[in-house]
Amino acid sequence: MTARKDGSSAGTAPAKRGALLSAVLSLSVVLGALYLLGLVAFVFTLPQPPPSVTPRADAIVALTGEGGRLAPAVTLLEKGNGKRLLITGVNKLISKKSLKTLLHGGNIFDCCADLGFSALDTRGNAEETARWVQTYGYKSLIIVTADYHMPRSLVEFGAQMPGVKLIPYPIVPDTSLLSPQSARRLNGEYVKYLASVVRVYVAGLLRTRDA
């Protein structure tokens, strides 16, 4: 087939490329807008500070990381809100004695606090906690972590322990939501949260298909 002399066929390829580029740009704008809307919703629906009267549970789990998460978990243990405490994701160089000193733990810390050293991320925290829960046969847990980390933690913990009641105890960081550091942290956490939701959802579909 030969091209027409008026050059109409020669202009077809650039026109198609232009249409494709326009479609890609439009899709990018839509996806970007959806991402921003989701991020805003994520930030403004973060768990509120814990109530003054915390419900009791079989045990307490604290996830290591930023935001002063461990001391409140020890306080909950001392007040009897749970029978036992697991601190998951502890650095292997830290001993129980040194952590007790750092957290001003009492005698109950010696008998009823366990340290988990195997977890490297939130999914690992959930897996480590699931093994601990199975050992003791617990049916309910108070989850202590930073407020921005709580949504992803609940997704991962729920996937590993679907029959266990999870009670969030969010710790609110001192930094303002408007600070650049907080904005970067929230954006990064939102991306990780979406990844956890997608992974857990796909894993659930695969299990249902193979059942």
N, C-alpha and C. Protein backbone atom coordinates (compact mmCIF):
# COMPACT_ATOMS: atom_id res chain seq x y z
N MET A 1 0.86 -1.19 0.00
CA MET A 1 0.00 0.00 0.00
C MET A 1 0.89 1.23 0.00
N THR A 2 0.61 2.12 -0.89
CA THR A 2 1.42 3.34 -1.02
C THR A 2 0.75 4.49 -0.31
N ALA A 3 1.57 5.42 0.16
CA ALA A 3 1.04 6.58 0.86
C ALA A 3 0.37 7.53 -0.13
N ARG A 4 -0.70 8.19 0.31
CA ARG A 4 -1.36 9.17 -0.55
C ARG A 4 -0.46 10.38 -0.70
N LYS A 5 -0.61 11.05 -1.87
CA LYS A 5 0.27 12.18 -2.18
C LYS A 5 0.02 13.37 -1.26
N ASP A 6 -1.20 13.45 -0.64
CA ASP A 6 -1.46 14.61 0.21
C ASP A 6 -0.86 14.46 1.59
N GLY A 7 -0.22 13.25 1.85
CA GLY A 7 0.52 13.05 3.10
C GLY A 7 -0.36 12.69 4.28
N SER A 8 -1.64 12.29 4.01
CA SER A 8 -2.53 12.00 5.13
C SER A 8 -2.05 10.79 5.92
N SER A 9 -1.53 9.73 5.22
CA SER A 9 -1.06 8.55 5.95
C SER A 9 0.18 8.86 6.75
N ALA A 10 0.99 9.79 6.30
CA ALA A 10 2.21 10.15 7.01
C ALA A 10 1.90 10.83 8.34
N GLY A 11 0.72 11.48 8.40
CA GLY A 11 0.36 12.14 9.65
C GLY A 11 -0.38 11.25 10.62
N THR A 12 -0.68 10.00 10.21
CA THR A 12 -1.44 9.11 11.09
C THR A 12 -0.64 8.70 12.32
N ALA A 13 0.63 8.33 12.15
CA ALA A 13 1.46 7.87 13.28
C ALA A 13 1.64 8.97 14.33
N PRO A 14 2.01 10.20 13.93
CA PRO A 14 2.12 11.26 14.95
C PRO A 14 0.80 11.52 15.66
N ALA A 15 -0.32 11.42 14.93
CA ALA A 15 -1.62 11.65 15.56
C ALA A 15 -1.90 10.58 16.60
N LYS A 16 -1.55 9.32 16.30
CA LYS A 16 -1.76 8.23 17.26
C LYS A 16 -0.88 8.41 18.48
N ARG A 17 0.37 8.82 18.24
CA ARG A 17 1.29 9.04 19.37
C ARG A 17 0.77 10.17 20.25
N GLY A 18 0.25 11.22 19.60
CA GLY A 18 -0.29 12.34 20.37
C GLY A 18 -1.49 11.91 21.21
N ALA A 19 -2.36 11.09 20.63
CA ALA A 19 -3.54 10.61 21.37
C ALA A 19 -3.12 9.73 22.54
N LEU A 20 -2.11 8.88 22.29
CA LEU A 20 -1.63 7.99 23.35
C LEU A 20 -1.01 8.80 24.49
N LEU A 21 -0.21 9.81 24.12
CA LEU A 21 0.41 10.66 25.13
C LEU A 21 -0.65 11.40 25.95
N SER A 22 -1.67 11.88 25.28
CA SER A 22 -2.75 12.58 25.97
C SER A 22 -3.48 11.66 26.95
N ALA A 23 -3.69 10.41 26.51
CA ALA A 23 -4.37 9.44 27.38
C ALA A 23 -3.51 9.12 28.60
N VAL A 24 -2.21 8.96 28.38
CA VAL A 24 -1.29 8.66 29.49
C VAL A 24 -1.26 9.81 30.49
N LEU A 25 -1.20 11.04 29.97
CA LEU A 25 -1.19 12.21 30.85
C LEU A 25 -2.48 12.32 31.64
N SER A 26 -3.59 12.07 30.97
CA SER A 26 -4.90 12.13 31.66
C SER A 26 -4.97 11.08 32.76
N LEU A 27 -4.50 9.87 32.45
CA LEU A 27 -4.51 8.80 33.44
C LEU A 27 -3.61 9.15 34.62
N SER A 28 -2.45 9.76 34.31
CA SER A 28 -1.52 10.15 35.38
C SER A 28 -2.15 11.18 36.30
N VAL A 29 -2.86 12.14 35.71
CA VAL A 29 -3.53 13.17 36.52
C VAL A 29 -4.59 12.55 37.42
N VAL A 30 -5.37 11.62 36.86
CA VAL A 30 -6.43 10.97 37.64
C VAL A 30 -5.84 10.15 38.78
N LEU A 31 -4.79 9.36 38.47
CA LEU A 31 -4.15 8.54 39.50
C LEU A 31 -3.51 9.41 40.58
N GLY A 32 -2.89 10.51 40.14
CA GLY A 32 -2.28 11.43 41.10
C GLY A 32 -3.31 12.04 42.03
N ALA A 33 -4.45 12.42 41.46
CA ALA A 33 -5.52 12.99 42.28
C ALA A 33 -6.08 11.97 43.26
N LEU A 34 -6.25 10.73 42.80
CA LEU A 34 -6.75 9.67 43.69
C LEU A 34 -5.75 9.40 44.82
N TYR A 35 -4.46 9.43 44.46
CA TYR A 35 -3.42 9.19 45.48
C TYR A 35 -3.47 10.29 46.54
N LEU A 36 -3.56 11.53 46.11
CA LEU A 36 -3.61 12.65 47.06
C LEU A 36 -4.85 12.59 47.94
N LEU A 37 -5.99 12.25 47.34
CA LEU A 37 -7.22 12.13 48.12
C LEU A 37 -7.09 11.01 49.15
N GLY A 38 -6.48 9.91 48.72
CA GLY A 38 -6.28 8.80 49.64
C GLY A 38 -5.33 9.16 50.77
N LEU A 39 -4.28 9.91 50.44
CA LEU A 39 -3.32 10.34 51.47
C LEU A 39 -3.98 11.25 52.48
N VAL A 40 -4.79 12.19 51.99
CA VAL A 40 -5.50 13.11 52.90
C VAL A 40 -6.44 12.31 53.82
N ALA A 41 -7.17 11.37 53.23
CA ALA A 41 -8.08 10.55 54.03
C ALA A 41 -7.31 9.72 55.06
N PHE A 42 -6.14 9.21 54.66
CA PHE A 42 -5.30 8.42 55.56
C PHE A 42 -4.87 9.26 56.76
N VAL A 43 -4.42 10.48 56.48
CA VAL A 43 -3.93 11.35 57.55
C VAL A 43 -5.04 11.74 58.51
N PHE A 44 -6.21 12.10 57.97
CA PHE A 44 -7.29 12.61 58.81
C PHE A 44 -8.14 11.52 59.46
N THR A 45 -7.82 10.26 59.15
CA THR A 45 -8.53 9.16 59.83
C THR A 45 -7.58 8.34 60.68
N LEU A 46 -6.40 8.88 60.98
CA LEU A 46 -5.48 8.17 61.87
C LEU A 46 -6.14 7.97 63.23
N PRO A 47 -5.81 6.89 63.92
CA PRO A 47 -6.42 6.64 65.23
C PRO A 47 -6.21 7.80 66.19
N GLN A 48 -7.21 8.08 66.98
CA GLN A 48 -7.14 9.15 67.98
C GLN A 48 -6.35 8.67 69.19
N PRO A 49 -5.90 9.61 70.03
CA PRO A 49 -5.19 9.21 71.25
C PRO A 49 -6.02 8.22 72.05
N PRO A 50 -5.36 7.29 72.74
CA PRO A 50 -6.10 6.26 73.48
C PRO A 50 -6.97 6.85 74.57
N PRO A 51 -8.06 6.19 74.90
CA PRO A 51 -8.95 6.69 75.96
C PRO A 51 -8.28 6.63 77.32
N SER A 52 -8.81 7.40 78.25
CA SER A 52 -8.23 7.42 79.60
C SER A 52 -8.39 6.07 80.29
N VAL A 53 -9.48 5.36 79.96
CA VAL A 53 -9.69 4.02 80.50
C VAL A 53 -9.47 3.01 79.37
N THR A 54 -8.37 2.32 79.41
CA THR A 54 -8.02 1.38 78.34
C THR A 54 -8.66 0.01 78.60
N PRO A 55 -9.31 -0.56 77.60
CA PRO A 55 -9.88 -1.90 77.79
C PRO A 55 -8.78 -2.91 78.11
N ARG A 56 -9.16 -3.93 78.85
CA ARG A 56 -8.21 -4.99 79.17
C ARG A 56 -8.16 -5.99 78.03
N ALA A 57 -7.05 -6.68 77.92
CA ALA A 57 -6.88 -7.73 76.92
C ALA A 57 -6.05 -8.84 77.55
N ASP A 58 -5.93 -9.95 76.83
CA ASP A 58 -5.10 -11.04 77.34
C ASP A 58 -3.64 -10.61 77.46
N ALA A 59 -3.18 -9.82 76.50
CA ALA A 59 -1.77 -9.43 76.49
C ALA A 59 -1.58 -8.13 75.73
N ILE A 60 -0.34 -7.64 75.78
CA ILE A 60 0.03 -6.35 75.16
C ILE A 60 1.20 -6.59 74.23
N VAL A 61 1.17 -5.94 73.08
CA VAL A 61 2.30 -6.01 72.13
C VAL A 61 2.73 -4.60 71.78
N ALA A 62 4.02 -4.34 71.91
CA ALA A 62 4.59 -3.04 71.53
C ALA A 62 5.55 -3.24 70.37
N LEU A 63 5.41 -2.41 69.35
CA LEU A 63 6.29 -2.47 68.19
C LEU A 63 7.38 -1.42 68.33
N THR A 64 8.61 -1.82 68.20
CA THR A 64 9.71 -0.87 68.33
C THR A 64 9.69 0.12 67.18
N GLY A 65 10.28 1.29 67.41
CA GLY A 65 10.33 2.33 66.38
C GLY A 65 10.25 3.70 67.01
N GLU A 66 10.00 4.69 66.17
CA GLU A 66 9.93 6.08 66.62
C GLU A 66 8.65 6.33 67.42
N GLY A 67 8.66 7.44 68.15
CA GLY A 67 7.43 7.91 68.76
C GLY A 67 7.22 7.52 70.21
N GLY A 68 8.22 6.98 70.89
CA GLY A 68 8.07 6.66 72.30
C GLY A 68 7.01 5.61 72.57
N ARG A 69 7.08 4.49 71.88
CA ARG A 69 6.03 3.47 71.96
C ARG A 69 6.17 2.53 73.16
N LEU A 70 7.38 2.33 73.65
CA LEU A 70 7.61 1.25 74.60
C LEU A 70 7.20 1.59 76.03
N ALA A 71 7.50 2.81 76.48
CA ALA A 71 7.17 3.18 77.85
C ALA A 71 5.66 3.07 78.13
N PRO A 72 4.77 3.54 77.25
CA PRO A 72 3.33 3.36 77.50
C PRO A 72 2.93 1.90 77.59
N ALA A 73 3.58 1.04 76.81
CA ALA A 73 3.25 -0.39 76.86
C ALA A 73 3.63 -0.99 78.21
N VAL A 74 4.78 -0.57 78.74
CA VAL A 74 5.20 -1.04 80.06
C VAL A 74 4.22 -0.55 81.13
N THR A 75 3.76 0.68 81.00
CA THR A 75 2.77 1.22 81.94
C THR A 75 1.48 0.41 81.91
N LEU A 76 1.04 0.03 80.71
CA LEU A 76 -0.16 -0.80 80.58
C LEU A 76 0.03 -2.14 81.29
N LEU A 77 1.21 -2.71 81.14
CA LEU A 77 1.50 -3.98 81.81
C LEU A 77 1.45 -3.81 83.33
N GLU A 78 2.06 -2.75 83.82
CA GLU A 78 2.09 -2.50 85.26
C GLU A 78 0.70 -2.24 85.83
N LYS A 79 -0.19 -1.67 85.02
CA LYS A 79 -1.56 -1.39 85.47
C LYS A 79 -2.48 -2.61 85.34
N GLY A 80 -1.96 -3.69 84.77
CA GLY A 80 -2.75 -4.91 84.66
C GLY A 80 -3.69 -4.96 83.49
N ASN A 81 -3.42 -4.16 82.44
CA ASN A 81 -4.28 -4.19 81.26
C ASN A 81 -4.05 -5.43 80.40
N GLY A 82 -2.99 -6.14 80.66
CA GLY A 82 -2.70 -7.39 79.99
C GLY A 82 -1.84 -8.26 80.89
N LYS A 83 -1.90 -9.56 80.67
CA LYS A 83 -1.15 -10.48 81.52
C LYS A 83 0.35 -10.47 81.21
N ARG A 84 0.65 -10.18 79.96
CA ARG A 84 2.04 -10.29 79.53
C ARG A 84 2.30 -9.28 78.42
N LEU A 85 3.56 -8.90 78.25
CA LEU A 85 3.96 -7.92 77.23
C LEU A 85 5.00 -8.52 76.31
N LEU A 86 4.79 -8.33 75.01
CA LEU A 86 5.81 -8.66 74.02
C LEU A 86 6.29 -7.38 73.38
N ILE A 87 7.60 -7.16 73.40
CA ILE A 87 8.20 -6.06 72.64
C ILE A 87 8.84 -6.69 71.42
N THR A 88 8.27 -6.44 70.26
CA THR A 88 8.69 -7.11 69.04
C THR A 88 9.57 -6.21 68.17
N GLY A 89 10.58 -6.81 67.56
CA GLY A 89 11.48 -6.07 66.70
C GLY A 89 12.64 -5.43 67.44
N VAL A 90 13.06 -6.04 68.55
CA VAL A 90 14.13 -5.49 69.36
C VAL A 90 15.48 -5.74 68.70
N ASN A 91 16.36 -4.76 68.78
CA ASN A 91 17.73 -4.92 68.27
C ASN A 91 18.43 -6.03 69.04
N LYS A 92 19.12 -6.90 68.33
CA LYS A 92 19.75 -8.06 68.97
C LYS A 92 20.87 -7.68 69.93
N LEU A 93 21.35 -6.43 69.84
CA LEU A 93 22.42 -5.98 70.73
C LEU A 93 21.89 -5.48 72.08
N ILE A 94 20.56 -5.38 72.19
CA ILE A 94 19.95 -4.86 73.42
C ILE A 94 19.52 -6.03 74.31
N SER A 95 19.90 -5.96 75.56
CA SER A 95 19.53 -7.00 76.52
C SER A 95 18.25 -6.60 77.25
N LYS A 96 17.61 -7.58 77.87
CA LYS A 96 16.39 -7.30 78.62
C LYS A 96 16.71 -6.42 79.83
N LYS A 97 17.85 -6.63 80.44
CA LYS A 97 18.25 -5.84 81.60
C LYS A 97 18.42 -4.37 81.23
N SER A 98 19.10 -4.11 80.11
CA SER A 98 19.33 -2.72 79.70
C SER A 98 18.03 -2.05 79.28
N LEU A 99 17.14 -2.80 78.65
CA LEU A 99 15.86 -2.23 78.23
C LEU A 99 14.99 -1.94 79.46
N LYS A 100 15.06 -2.81 80.45
CA LYS A 100 14.31 -2.57 81.68
C LYS A 100 14.77 -1.27 82.34
N THR A 101 16.09 -1.07 82.37
CA THR A 101 16.63 0.16 82.97
C THR A 101 16.19 1.38 82.18
N LEU A 102 16.23 1.28 80.86
CA LEU A 102 15.85 2.39 80.00
C LEU A 102 14.38 2.77 80.18
N LEU A 103 13.54 1.76 80.36
CA LEU A 103 12.09 1.98 80.45
C LEU A 103 11.60 2.10 81.89
N HIS A 104 12.53 2.03 82.85
CA HIS A 104 12.18 2.12 84.27
C HIS A 104 11.17 1.05 84.64
N GLY A 105 11.40 -0.16 84.14
CA GLY A 105 10.49 -1.26 84.44
C GLY A 105 10.69 -1.79 85.85
N GLY A 106 9.61 -2.31 86.45
CA GLY A 106 9.67 -2.87 87.79
C GLY A 106 9.82 -4.38 87.75
N ASN A 107 9.45 -5.02 88.84
CA ASN A 107 9.58 -6.48 88.93
C ASN A 107 8.73 -7.21 87.91
N ILE A 108 7.59 -6.61 87.56
CA ILE A 108 6.71 -7.26 86.60
C ILE A 108 7.37 -7.36 85.22
N PHE A 109 8.30 -6.44 84.95
CA PHE A 109 9.02 -6.50 83.68
C PHE A 109 9.87 -7.77 83.62
N ASP A 110 10.44 -8.16 84.75
CA ASP A 110 11.28 -9.36 84.79
C ASP A 110 10.49 -10.63 84.50
N CYS A 111 9.30 -10.70 85.07
CA CYS A 111 8.53 -11.94 84.95
C CYS A 111 7.64 -12.01 83.72
N CYS A 112 7.16 -10.85 83.27
CA CYS A 112 6.05 -10.87 82.32
C CYS A 112 6.29 -10.08 81.03
N ALA A 113 7.53 -9.70 80.76
CA ALA A 113 7.86 -9.01 79.51
C ALA A 113 8.78 -9.89 78.69
N ASP A 114 8.44 -10.09 77.43
CA ASP A 114 9.25 -10.88 76.50
C ASP A 114 9.78 -9.98 75.40
N LEU A 115 10.99 -10.27 74.95
CA LEU A 115 11.58 -9.51 73.85
C LEU A 115 11.66 -10.40 72.62
N GLY A 116 11.21 -9.84 71.48
CA GLY A 116 11.30 -10.56 70.21
C GLY A 116 12.38 -9.93 69.34
N PHE A 117 13.31 -10.74 68.87
CA PHE A 117 14.46 -10.22 68.13
C PHE A 117 14.44 -10.54 66.63
N SER A 118 13.46 -11.29 66.17
CA SER A 118 13.52 -11.77 64.78
C SER A 118 12.89 -10.82 63.77
N ALA A 119 11.98 -9.96 64.20
CA ALA A 119 11.25 -9.11 63.25
C ALA A 119 12.12 -7.97 62.72
N LEU A 120 12.05 -7.77 61.41
CA LEU A 120 12.79 -6.69 60.76
C LEU A 120 11.87 -5.62 60.19
N ASP A 121 10.58 -5.92 60.10
CA ASP A 121 9.61 -4.97 59.56
C ASP A 121 8.25 -5.28 60.19
N THR A 122 7.21 -4.57 59.75
CA THR A 122 5.89 -4.73 60.36
C THR A 122 5.32 -6.11 60.11
N ARG A 123 5.52 -6.63 58.92
CA ARG A 123 5.06 -7.99 58.65
C ARG A 123 5.78 -8.98 59.56
N GLY A 124 7.06 -8.75 59.77
CA GLY A 124 7.81 -9.60 60.69
C GLY A 124 7.31 -9.47 62.12
N ASN A 125 6.93 -8.24 62.52
CA ASN A 125 6.33 -8.04 63.84
C ASN A 125 5.09 -8.92 64.01
N ALA A 126 4.26 -8.92 62.97
CA ALA A 126 3.02 -9.70 63.02
C ALA A 126 3.30 -11.20 63.10
N GLU A 127 4.27 -11.66 62.33
CA GLU A 127 4.61 -13.08 62.35
C GLU A 127 5.20 -13.49 63.69
N GLU A 128 6.08 -12.64 64.22
CA GLU A 128 6.69 -12.91 65.52
C GLU A 128 5.62 -12.94 66.61
N THR A 129 4.69 -11.99 66.56
CA THR A 129 3.62 -11.93 67.55
C THR A 129 2.69 -13.13 67.43
N ALA A 130 2.41 -13.57 66.20
CA ALA A 130 1.52 -14.71 65.99
C ALA A 130 2.08 -15.97 66.66
N ARG A 131 3.39 -16.17 66.56
CA ARG A 131 4.01 -17.33 67.21
C ARG A 131 3.89 -17.22 68.73
N TRP A 132 4.09 -16.02 69.25
CA TRP A 132 3.99 -15.76 70.69
C TRP A 132 2.57 -15.99 71.18
N VAL A 133 1.60 -15.50 70.44
CA VAL A 133 0.19 -15.67 70.78
C VAL A 133 -0.20 -17.14 70.79
N GLN A 134 0.30 -17.88 69.81
CA GLN A 134 -0.01 -19.31 69.74
C GLN A 134 0.58 -20.05 70.93
N THR A 135 1.75 -19.63 71.37
CA THR A 135 2.39 -20.27 72.52
C THR A 135 1.54 -20.14 73.78
N TYR A 136 0.97 -18.94 73.98
CA TYR A 136 0.22 -18.68 75.21
C TYR A 136 -1.29 -18.84 75.04
N GLY A 137 -1.75 -18.97 73.81
CA GLY A 137 -3.18 -19.15 73.58
C GLY A 137 -4.02 -17.91 73.81
N TYR A 138 -3.45 -16.73 73.54
CA TYR A 138 -4.18 -15.48 73.76
C TYR A 138 -5.23 -15.26 72.69
N LYS A 139 -6.31 -14.58 73.09
CA LYS A 139 -7.41 -14.30 72.17
C LYS A 139 -7.62 -12.80 71.93
N SER A 140 -6.93 -11.97 72.69
CA SER A 140 -7.06 -10.52 72.51
C SER A 140 -5.74 -9.84 72.82
N LEU A 141 -5.44 -8.78 72.07
CA LEU A 141 -4.17 -8.07 72.22
C LEU A 141 -4.40 -6.57 72.19
N ILE A 142 -3.66 -5.85 73.02
CA ILE A 142 -3.57 -4.40 72.89
C ILE A 142 -2.32 -4.12 72.05
N ILE A 143 -2.49 -3.41 70.93
CA ILE A 143 -1.39 -3.12 70.02
C ILE A 143 -0.90 -1.70 70.29
N VAL A 144 0.36 -1.55 70.68
CA VAL A 144 0.93 -0.25 70.98
C VAL A 144 1.95 0.12 69.91
N THR A 145 1.65 1.17 69.17
CA THR A 145 2.59 1.69 68.17
C THR A 145 2.19 3.13 67.86
N ALA A 146 2.96 3.80 67.03
CA ALA A 146 2.65 5.18 66.66
C ALA A 146 1.35 5.25 65.87
N ASP A 147 0.64 6.37 65.98
CA ASP A 147 -0.66 6.48 65.32
C ASP A 147 -0.56 6.29 63.81
N TYR A 148 0.48 6.86 63.19
CA TYR A 148 0.61 6.74 61.74
C TYR A 148 0.96 5.32 61.31
N HIS A 149 1.50 4.52 62.23
CA HIS A 149 1.89 3.15 61.94
C HIS A 149 0.78 2.16 62.25
N MET A 150 -0.24 2.61 62.97
CA MET A 150 -1.29 1.71 63.42
C MET A 150 -2.10 1.08 62.28
N PRO A 151 -2.54 1.83 61.24
CA PRO A 151 -3.33 1.20 60.18
C PRO A 151 -2.61 0.01 59.53
N ARG A 152 -1.34 0.19 59.19
CA ARG A 152 -0.59 -0.91 58.56
C ARG A 152 -0.40 -2.06 59.54
N SER A 153 -0.16 -1.73 60.80
CA SER A 153 0.04 -2.78 61.81
C SER A 153 -1.21 -3.64 61.94
N LEU A 154 -2.38 -3.00 61.96
CA LEU A 154 -3.63 -3.74 62.10
C LEU A 154 -3.88 -4.63 60.88
N VAL A 155 -3.52 -4.15 59.70
CA VAL A 155 -3.66 -4.97 58.50
C VAL A 155 -2.78 -6.22 58.59
N GLU A 156 -1.52 -6.03 58.95
CA GLU A 156 -0.58 -7.15 59.01
C GLU A 156 -0.92 -8.11 60.16
N PHE A 157 -1.26 -7.56 61.32
CA PHE A 157 -1.60 -8.41 62.46
C PHE A 157 -2.90 -9.16 62.21
N GLY A 158 -3.87 -8.48 61.59
CA GLY A 158 -5.12 -9.14 61.29
C GLY A 158 -4.96 -10.29 60.31
N ALA A 159 -4.04 -10.13 59.37
CA ALA A 159 -3.78 -11.19 58.40
C ALA A 159 -3.14 -12.41 59.06
N GLN A 160 -2.26 -12.17 60.02
CA GLN A 160 -1.57 -13.28 60.68
C GLN A 160 -2.41 -13.92 61.78
N MET A 161 -3.31 -13.14 62.40
CA MET A 161 -4.10 -13.64 63.53
C MET A 161 -5.57 -13.26 63.36
N PRO A 162 -6.25 -13.85 62.37
CA PRO A 162 -7.62 -13.44 62.08
C PRO A 162 -8.60 -13.69 63.22
N GLY A 163 -8.28 -14.62 64.12
CA GLY A 163 -9.19 -14.94 65.21
C GLY A 163 -8.92 -14.19 66.50
N VAL A 164 -7.93 -13.28 66.48
CA VAL A 164 -7.53 -12.56 67.69
C VAL A 164 -8.09 -11.14 67.65
N LYS A 165 -8.69 -10.71 68.74
CA LYS A 165 -9.20 -9.34 68.83
C LYS A 165 -8.04 -8.37 69.03
N LEU A 166 -7.96 -7.34 68.19
CA LEU A 166 -6.87 -6.36 68.25
C LEU A 166 -7.41 -5.03 68.75
N ILE A 167 -6.85 -4.54 69.82
CA ILE A 167 -7.28 -3.27 70.42
C ILE A 167 -6.17 -2.24 70.20
N PRO A 168 -6.37 -1.24 69.35
CA PRO A 168 -5.31 -0.26 69.07
C PRO A 168 -5.06 0.68 70.25
N TYR A 169 -3.79 0.93 70.52
CA TYR A 169 -3.39 1.91 71.52
C TYR A 169 -2.35 2.82 70.84
N PRO A 170 -2.82 3.81 70.07
CA PRO A 170 -1.91 4.63 69.26
C PRO A 170 -1.18 5.68 70.10
N ILE A 171 0.09 5.84 69.80
CA ILE A 171 0.91 6.86 70.44
C ILE A 171 1.09 8.01 69.45
N VAL A 172 0.71 9.20 69.85
CA VAL A 172 0.78 10.37 68.96
C VAL A 172 2.15 11.02 69.10
N PRO A 173 2.93 11.12 68.01
CA PRO A 173 4.25 11.76 68.08
C PRO A 173 4.15 13.24 68.43
N ASP A 174 5.25 13.78 68.92
CA ASP A 174 5.28 15.20 69.30
C ASP A 174 5.34 16.13 68.09
N THR A 175 5.83 15.64 66.96
CA THR A 175 6.02 16.50 65.80
C THR A 175 4.68 16.91 65.18
N SER A 176 4.63 18.12 64.65
CA SER A 176 3.42 18.63 64.02
C SER A 176 3.18 17.95 62.68
N LEU A 177 1.89 17.78 62.33
CA LEU A 177 1.55 17.20 61.03
C LEU A 177 2.04 18.07 59.88
N LEU A 178 2.25 19.36 60.14
CA LEU A 178 2.63 20.30 59.09
C LEU A 178 4.13 20.38 58.89
N SER A 179 4.92 19.72 59.72
CA SER A 179 6.37 19.78 59.57
C SER A 179 6.82 18.94 58.38
N PRO A 180 7.91 19.33 57.69
CA PRO A 180 8.40 18.54 56.56
C PRO A 180 8.73 17.10 56.95
N GLN A 181 9.30 16.90 58.12
CA GLN A 181 9.63 15.56 58.58
C GLN A 181 8.38 14.70 58.70
N SER A 182 7.34 15.27 59.29
CA SER A 182 6.09 14.53 59.46
C SER A 182 5.43 14.24 58.11
N ALA A 183 5.48 15.21 57.19
CA ALA A 183 4.88 15.02 55.87
C ALA A 183 5.57 13.88 55.12
N ARG A 184 6.89 13.84 55.18
CA ARG A 184 7.63 12.75 54.51
C ARG A 184 7.29 11.41 55.15
N ARG A 185 7.23 11.39 56.46
CA ARG A 185 6.94 10.15 57.18
C ARG A 185 5.55 9.63 56.85
N LEU A 186 4.56 10.53 56.84
CA LEU A 186 3.19 10.12 56.55
C LEU A 186 3.04 9.64 55.12
N ASN A 187 3.70 10.31 54.19
CA ASN A 187 3.63 9.88 52.79
C ASN A 187 4.25 8.50 52.62
N GLY A 188 5.42 8.29 53.25
CA GLY A 188 6.07 6.99 53.16
C GLY A 188 5.24 5.90 53.80
N GLU A 189 4.62 6.21 54.93
CA GLU A 189 3.80 5.22 55.61
C GLU A 189 2.55 4.90 54.82
N TYR A 190 1.99 5.89 54.14
CA TYR A 190 0.80 5.65 53.32
C TYR A 190 1.12 4.69 52.18
N VAL A 191 2.28 4.87 51.56
CA VAL A 191 2.69 3.96 50.48
C VAL A 191 2.84 2.53 51.02
N LYS A 192 3.46 2.39 52.18
CA LYS A 192 3.63 1.07 52.78
C LYS A 192 2.29 0.46 53.16
N TYR A 193 1.39 1.31 53.64
CA TYR A 193 0.06 0.83 54.00
C TYR A 193 -0.67 0.27 52.77
N LEU A 194 -0.62 1.01 51.67
CA LEU A 194 -1.26 0.53 50.43
C LEU A 194 -0.65 -0.78 49.98
N ALA A 195 0.67 -0.89 50.08
CA ALA A 195 1.34 -2.13 49.68
C ALA A 195 0.88 -3.30 50.55
N SER A 196 0.73 -3.06 51.85
CA SER A 196 0.27 -4.12 52.76
C SER A 196 -1.16 -4.54 52.43
N VAL A 197 -2.02 -3.56 52.18
CA VAL A 197 -3.41 -3.86 51.86
C VAL A 197 -3.50 -4.71 50.60
N VAL A 198 -2.76 -4.32 49.56
CA VAL A 198 -2.79 -5.06 48.29
C VAL A 198 -2.23 -6.46 48.48
N ARG A 199 -1.11 -6.58 49.17
CA ARG A 199 -0.48 -7.90 49.36
C ARG A 199 -1.39 -8.83 50.15
N VAL A 200 -1.97 -8.33 51.24
CA VAL A 200 -2.85 -9.16 52.06
C VAL A 200 -4.11 -9.55 51.28
N TYR A 201 -4.64 -8.62 50.48
CA TYR A 201 -5.83 -8.92 49.68
C TYR A 201 -5.54 -10.00 48.64
N VAL A 202 -4.42 -9.85 47.94
CA VAL A 202 -4.06 -10.84 46.91
C VAL A 202 -3.80 -12.20 47.56
N ALA A 203 -3.11 -12.20 48.69
CA ALA A 203 -2.84 -13.46 49.38
C ALA A 203 -4.15 -14.15 49.79
N GLY A 204 -5.14 -13.35 50.22
CA GLY A 204 -6.43 -13.91 50.58
C GLY A 204 -7.15 -14.51 49.38
N LEU A 205 -7.07 -13.85 48.24
CA LEU A 205 -7.68 -14.39 47.02
C LEU A 205 -7.04 -15.70 46.61
N LEU A 206 -5.72 -15.78 46.71
CA LEU A 206 -5.01 -17.01 46.34
C LEU A 206 -5.37 -18.17 47.27
N ARG A 207 -5.51 -17.85 48.56
CA ARG A 207 -5.89 -18.92 49.50
C ARG A 207 -7.31 -19.40 49.21
N THR A 208 -8.19 -18.46 48.88
CA THR A 208 -9.58 -18.86 48.57
C THR A 208 -9.63 -19.71 47.32
N ARG A 209 -8.83 -19.37 46.33
CA ARG A 209 -8.82 -20.14 45.08
C ARG A 209 -8.28 -21.55 45.28
N ASP A 210 -7.27 -21.66 46.16
CA ASP A 210 -6.65 -22.97 46.37
C ASP A 210 -7.40 -23.84 47.36
N ALA A 211 -8.37 -23.23 48.06
CA ALA A 211 -9.12 -24.01 49.08
C ALA A 211 -10.04 -25.04 48.42
